[in-house]
Every structure is written in C-alpha cells, then in structure tokens.
Amino acid sequence: MAFPSRDYKLIYPSVTQAHAITGYVEDGFIFWNEMSKDHGGIFKAMEDGANHQAVVAVGVEVIEDVEIDWIGRHVYFTDAG
C-alpha cells in the first residue's frame, strides 16, 4: 500500500457509507466504519477485499474515527452516540 496514490479501487462492494478509513500496512488490512442503517459498525478486509469481517458490529451508534495502534496492534475508535 503506497500513500499518496492516484490509484483507486473498490475494496468491498457492499460498502455504501464508509467513514474513518485507516490501514494497517504490516498485515495489509484496511479498516473502516460503515454508517448505513442495515450494516453499521467497524469492519476490516485485506487490501484486495478478501477476508472481509466485522470488528465491532453491535453497541456502536455514531463512530467518528478509527485508528490503529501499530505497536500494540489494537483498534481504537470514538463513538459520539
């Protein structure tokens, strides 16, 4: 994964309202917050869209930011709900 880049690609086709996108370069994961009514939560997938999975899918309302602790390998987020 190289930043900045002018290359764009679709990571996962069912994402409609992705916010707070971040990446963990060492493992090749992309993390994002989906804010749609039917599919809300924090999700991750490989850079190519493989291994899509929910990280946090219940108990969150309005996630404003998602960050990765690269040393401790933890995901942190803020929920304004």
C-alpha atoms as a PDB file:
ATOM      1  CA  MET A   1       0.000   0.000   0.000  1.00  0.00           C
ATOM      2  CA  ALA A   2       1.539   3.279  -1.086  1.00  0.00           C
ATOM      3  CA  PHE A   3       0.272   6.673   0.030  1.00  0.00           C
ATOM      4  CA  PRO A   4      -0.398   9.075  -1.570  1.00  0.00           C
ATOM      5  CA  SER A   5      -1.562   7.357  -4.696  1.00  0.00           C
ATOM      6  CA  ARG A   6      -3.757   8.220  -7.631  1.00  0.00           C
ATOM      7  CA  ASP A   7      -4.832   4.582  -7.940  1.00  0.00           C
ATOM      8  CA  TYR A   8      -8.349   3.855  -6.723  1.00  0.00           C
ATOM      9  CA  LYS A   9     -10.128   0.535  -6.388  1.00  0.00           C
ATOM     10  CA  LEU A  10     -13.220  -0.919  -4.810  1.00  0.00           C
ATOM     11  CA  ILE A  11     -12.277  -2.830  -1.651  1.00  0.00           C
ATOM     12  CA  TYR A  12     -15.646  -4.327  -0.789  1.00  0.00           C
ATOM     13  CA  PRO A  13     -18.753  -3.953  -2.995  1.00  0.00           C
ATOM     14  CA  SER A  14     -21.477  -3.639  -0.336  1.00  0.00           C
ATOM     15  CA  VAL A  15     -19.936  -0.615   1.408  1.00  0.00           C
ATOM     16  CA  THR A  16     -22.221   2.383   0.932  1.00  0.00           C
ATOM     17  CA  GLN A  17     -21.187   4.891   3.615  1.00  0.00           C
ATOM     18  CA  ALA A  18     -17.574   4.321   4.632  1.00  0.00           C
ATOM     19  CA  HIS A  19     -16.043   6.783   7.086  1.00  0.00           C
ATOM     20  CA  ALA A  20     -12.868   6.864   9.182  1.00  0.00           C
ATOM     21  CA  ILE A  21     -10.782   4.716   6.851  1.00  0.00           C
ATOM     22  CA  THR A  22      -7.349   3.609   8.045  1.00  0.00           C
ATOM     23  CA  GLY A  23      -4.886   0.860   7.210  1.00  0.00           C
ATOM     24  CA  TYR A  24      -2.506  -1.485   8.952  1.00  0.00           C
ATOM     25  CA  VAL A  25       0.293  -1.753   6.413  1.00  0.00           C
ATOM     26  CA  GLU A  26       2.246  -4.614   8.003  1.00  0.00           C
ATOM     27  CA  ASP A  27      -0.712  -7.020   7.816  1.00  0.00           C
ATOM     28  CA  GLY A  28      -2.266  -5.454   4.706  1.00  0.00           C
ATOM     29  CA  PHE A  29      -5.631  -4.702   6.339  1.00  0.00           C
ATOM     30  CA  ILE A  30      -7.937  -1.767   5.660  1.00  0.00           C
ATOM     31  CA  PHE A  31     -10.328  -0.742   8.486  1.00  0.00           C
ATOM     32  CA  TRP A  32     -13.402   1.447   8.051  1.00  0.00           C
ATOM     33  CA  ASN A  33     -16.606   2.498   9.699  1.00  0.00           C
ATOM     34  CA  GLU A  34     -19.824   1.745   7.831  1.00  0.00           C
ATOM     35  CA  MET A  35     -22.641   4.110   8.810  1.00  0.00           C
ATOM     36  CA  SER A  36     -25.593   2.617   6.929  1.00  0.00           C
ATOM     37  CA  LYS A  37     -28.692   1.603   8.906  1.00  0.00           C
ATOM     38  CA  ASP A  38     -28.576  -2.056   7.853  1.00  0.00           C
ATOM     39  CA  HIS A  39     -24.846  -2.594   8.032  1.00  0.00           C
ATOM     40  CA  GLY A  40     -23.320  -0.325  10.704  1.00  0.00           C
ATOM     41  CA  GLY A  41     -20.102  -0.994  12.600  1.00  0.00           C
ATOM     42  CA  ILE A  42     -16.344  -1.243  12.154  1.00  0.00           C
ATOM     43  CA  PHE A  43     -15.098  -3.636   9.500  1.00  0.00           C
ATOM     44  CA  LYS A  44     -11.813  -4.805   8.046  1.00  0.00           C
ATOM     45  CA  ALA A  45     -10.646  -6.505   4.875  1.00  0.00           C
ATOM     46  CA  MET A  46      -7.399  -7.199   3.107  1.00  0.00           C
ATOM     47  CA  GLU A  47      -6.262  -4.618   0.553  1.00  0.00           C
ATOM     48  CA  ASP A  48      -7.757  -6.770  -2.215  1.00  0.00           C
ATOM     49  CA  GLY A  49     -11.125  -7.099  -0.400  1.00  0.00           C
ATOM     50  CA  ALA A  50     -10.533 -10.666   0.818  1.00  0.00           C
ATOM     51  CA  ASN A  51     -11.216 -11.737   4.424  1.00  0.00           C
ATOM     52  CA  HIS A  52     -13.981  -9.173   4.994  1.00  0.00           C
ATOM     53  CA  GLN A  53     -15.151  -9.302   8.615  1.00  0.00           C
ATOM     54  CA  ALA A  54     -16.848  -7.243  11.298  1.00  0.00           C
ATOM     55  CA  VAL A  55     -14.596  -5.967  14.089  1.00  0.00           C
ATOM     56  CA  VAL A  56     -17.377  -4.236  16.070  1.00  0.00           C
ATOM     57  CA  ALA A  57     -20.958  -4.676  14.829  1.00  0.00           C
ATOM     58  CA  VAL A  58     -23.090  -4.173  17.951  1.00  0.00           C
ATOM     59  CA  GLY A  59     -23.229  -1.470  20.605  1.00  0.00           C
ATOM     60  CA  VAL A  60     -21.998   1.401  18.446  1.00  0.00           C
ATOM     61  CA  GLU A  61     -24.046   4.327  17.183  1.00  0.00           C
ATOM     62  CA  VAL A  62     -22.087   7.153  15.532  1.00  0.00           C
ATOM     63  CA  ILE A  63     -18.436   6.254  15.053  1.00  0.00           C
ATOM     64  CA  GLU A  64     -16.422   9.342  14.214  1.00  0.00           C
ATOM     65  CA  ASP A  65     -12.900   7.979  13.926  1.00  0.00           C
ATOM     66  CA  VAL A  66     -10.978   4.697  13.752  1.00  0.00           C
ATOM     67  CA  GLU A  67      -7.242   4.453  14.464  1.00  0.00           C
ATOM     68  CA  ILE A  68      -4.687   1.660  14.667  1.00  0.00           C
ATOM     69  CA  ASP A  69      -2.069   1.325  17.410  1.00  0.00           C
ATOM     70  CA  TRP A  70       0.689  -0.120  15.228  1.00  0.00           C
ATOM     71  CA  ILE A  71       2.866  -1.105  18.200  1.00  0.00           C
ATOM     72  CA  GLY A  72       0.217  -2.720  20.402  1.00  0.00           C
ATOM     73  CA  ARG A  73      -1.875  -3.871  17.408  1.00  0.00           C
ATOM     74  CA  HIS A  74      -5.132  -2.514  18.851  1.00  0.00           C
ATOM     75  CA  VAL A  75      -8.007  -0.763  17.102  1.00  0.00           C
ATOM     76  CA  TYR A  76      -9.374   2.376  18.802  1.00  0.00           C
ATOM     77  CA  PHE A  77     -12.478   4.309  17.866  1.00  0.00           C
ATOM     78  CA  THR A  78     -14.638   7.178  19.080  1.00  0.00           C
ATOM     79  CA  ASP A  79     -18.409   6.780  19.299  1.00  0.00           C
ATOM     80  CA  ALA A  80     -20.420  10.000  19.595  1.00  0.00           C
ATOM     81  CA  GLY A  81     -23.738   8.187  20.058  1.00  0.00           C
END
